[in-house]
């Protein structure tokens, strides 16, 4: 039912937009102005009533993805296993791990020693910053 109301509102908005554009063109034609330019301005105004932030948001999203996205491996699993051979053999995966939510941080225990931690922050509208880390919970500093 909600979807029907949304489509009805969208249809009504399109009808009002067409009526405003036609009225602007006929006004420009009667007053001696250029109807094409006036109709284009009316169309832009009606478009920007709803989608004024669409172009800046996608521009910012594209910029952030190109300049700030990335993936960093501080230590591979194979390197950690070589450094800790006795510990690596004793670790067993956690079955049906419970996801722990604390604000914008989500933690999932993987085994007795490691957790997967995700931090998600909203930068602007559809632009989110997401940080995934595999943390060694027994160390004092961040080991990834």
Protein backbone atom coordinates (compact mmCIF):
# COMPACT_ATOMS: atom_id res chain seq x y z
CA UNK A 1 0.00 0.00 0.00
CA UNK A 2 2.84 2.35 0.85
CA UNK A 3 4.42 1.70 -2.54
CA UNK A 4 1.15 2.64 -4.23
CA UNK A 5 1.09 5.93 -2.34
CA UNK A 6 4.70 6.65 -3.31
CA UNK A 7 3.98 5.96 -6.98
CA UNK A 8 0.83 8.10 -6.75
CA UNK A 9 2.81 11.00 -5.26
CA UNK A 10 5.49 10.60 -7.94
CA UNK A 11 2.86 10.56 -10.69
CA UNK A 12 1.22 13.69 -9.21
CA UNK A 13 4.62 15.43 -9.04
CA UNK A 14 5.28 14.62 -12.71
CA UNK A 15 1.85 15.96 -13.70
CA UNK A 16 2.42 19.18 -11.75
CA UNK A 17 5.89 19.54 -13.30
CA UNK A 18 4.49 19.15 -16.83
CA UNK A 19 1.75 21.71 -16.07
CA UNK A 20 4.32 24.21 -14.72
CA UNK A 21 6.58 23.76 -17.75
CA UNK A 22 3.67 24.17 -20.19
CA UNK A 23 2.50 27.29 -18.31
CA UNK A 24 6.02 28.75 -18.41
CA UNK A 25 6.31 28.09 -22.15
CA UNK A 26 2.93 29.63 -22.93
CA UNK A 27 3.72 32.67 -20.72
CA UNK A 28 7.07 33.13 -22.52
CA UNK A 29 5.39 32.77 -25.90
CA UNK A 30 2.77 35.42 -25.07
CA UNK A 31 5.26 37.86 -23.54
CA UNK A 32 7.74 37.59 -26.42
CA UNK A 33 10.47 35.75 -24.52
CA UNK A 34 12.20 32.61 -25.74
CA UNK A 35 9.89 29.68 -24.87
CA UNK A 36 12.63 27.03 -25.07
CA UNK A 37 14.86 28.77 -22.54
CA UNK A 38 11.95 29.56 -20.22
CA UNK A 39 10.70 25.96 -20.40
CA UNK A 40 14.21 24.66 -19.65
CA UNK A 41 14.49 26.96 -16.62
CA UNK A 42 11.07 25.80 -15.38
CA UNK A 43 12.09 22.15 -15.87
CA UNK A 44 15.34 22.71 -13.93
CA UNK A 45 13.45 24.40 -11.10
CA UNK A 46 10.95 21.52 -10.87
CA UNK A 47 13.77 18.95 -11.02
CA UNK A 48 15.79 20.72 -8.35
CA UNK A 49 12.85 20.86 -5.94
CA UNK A 50 13.36 17.15 -5.33
CA UNK A 51 16.83 16.26 -6.62
CA UNK A 52 18.87 19.35 -5.67
CA UNK A 53 21.47 17.27 -3.81
CA UNK A 54 21.81 14.38 -6.25
CA UNK A 55 24.66 15.75 -8.38
CA UNK A 56 26.82 16.97 -5.45
CA UNK A 57 26.35 13.69 -3.59
CA UNK A 58 27.41 11.53 -6.51
CA UNK A 59 30.29 13.90 -7.20
CA UNK A 60 31.50 13.59 -3.61
CA UNK A 61 31.00 9.81 -3.68
CA UNK A 62 33.09 9.51 -6.84
CA UNK A 63 35.82 11.76 -5.42
CA UNK A 64 36.01 9.86 -2.12
CA UNK A 65 36.12 6.47 -3.85
CA UNK A 66 38.93 7.56 -6.16
CA UNK A 67 41.07 9.28 -3.54
CA UNK A 68 40.39 7.69 -0.15
CA UNK A 69 39.37 4.09 -0.80
CA UNK A 70 41.93 1.39 -0.32
CA UNK A 71 42.96 -1.89 1.21
CA UNK A 72 45.94 -2.39 3.51
CA UNK A 73 47.32 -5.69 4.74
CA UNK A 74 49.60 -5.22 7.74
CA UNK A 75 50.28 -8.90 8.20
CA UNK A 76 49.02 -11.82 6.13
CA UNK A 77 47.59 -14.94 7.72
CA UNK A 78 50.58 -16.94 6.51
CA UNK A 79 53.02 -14.50 8.16
CA UNK A 80 51.11 -14.65 11.44
CA UNK A 81 51.02 -18.46 11.34
CA UNK A 82 54.81 -18.57 10.81
CA UNK A 83 55.34 -16.25 13.79
CA UNK A 84 52.84 -18.14 16.01
CA UNK A 85 52.87 -21.81 14.94
CA UNK A 86 51.72 -23.23 18.30
CA UNK A 87 48.80 -20.84 18.64
CA UNK A 88 47.57 -21.18 15.05
CA UNK A 89 47.01 -24.91 15.48
CA UNK A 90 44.84 -24.50 18.61
CA UNK A 91 42.38 -21.93 17.22
CA UNK A 92 38.92 -23.17 16.28
CA UNK A 93 36.24 -21.13 14.55
CA UNK A 94 33.27 -19.88 16.57
CA UNK A 95 30.03 -21.46 15.37
CA UNK A 96 26.99 -19.14 15.18
CA UNK A 97 28.89 -16.16 16.57
CA UNK A 98 26.81 -13.36 18.04
CA UNK A 99 27.25 -9.97 16.45
CA UNK A 100 27.97 -7.31 19.05
CA UNK A 101 26.78 -3.80 18.16
CA UNK A 102 28.12 -0.75 19.97
CA UNK A 103 26.98 2.40 18.19
CA UNK A 104 28.62 2.39 14.77
CA UNK A 105 31.00 -0.47 15.67
CA UNK A 106 30.12 -4.10 14.98
CA UNK A 107 32.27 -6.92 16.35
CA UNK A 108 32.09 -10.60 15.45
CA UNK A 109 34.29 -13.15 17.26
CA UNK A 110 36.00 -15.44 14.75
CA UNK A 111 37.82 -17.75 17.19
CA UNK A 112 39.30 -17.62 20.69
CA UNK A 113 41.74 -14.90 19.74
CA UNK A 114 40.51 -12.85 16.77
CA UNK A 115 37.47 -10.65 16.11
CA UNK A 116 36.26 -9.00 12.96
CA UNK A 117 35.51 -5.35 13.72
CA UNK A 118 33.61 -3.08 11.35
CA UNK A 119 33.26 0.66 11.89
CA UNK A 120 30.82 2.53 9.66
CA UNK A 121 30.42 6.31 9.67
CA UNK A 122 28.13 8.41 7.56
CA UNK A 123 30.09 11.15 5.79
CA UNK A 124 27.28 12.70 3.79
CA UNK A 125 23.93 11.33 2.57
CA UNK A 126 24.89 8.17 0.62
CA UNK A 127 28.62 8.49 1.28
CA UNK A 128 29.75 6.17 4.09
CA UNK A 129 33.20 5.40 5.42
CA UNK A 130 33.64 1.75 6.33
CA UNK A 131 36.66 0.32 8.14
CA UNK A 132 37.00 -3.48 8.45
CA UNK A 133 39.71 -4.92 10.70
CA UNK A 134 40.65 -8.32 11.97
CA UNK A 135 41.90 -7.68 15.48
CA UNK A 136 43.98 -9.78 17.81
CA UNK A 137 42.18 -9.25 21.11
CA UNK A 138 45.05 -10.56 23.27
CA UNK A 139 47.61 -7.93 22.22
CA UNK A 140 47.96 -4.48 23.73
CA UNK A 141 48.26 -2.65 20.41
CA UNK A 142 46.39 -2.98 17.15
CA UNK A 143 47.51 -6.09 15.28
CA UNK A 144 45.68 -6.64 12.03
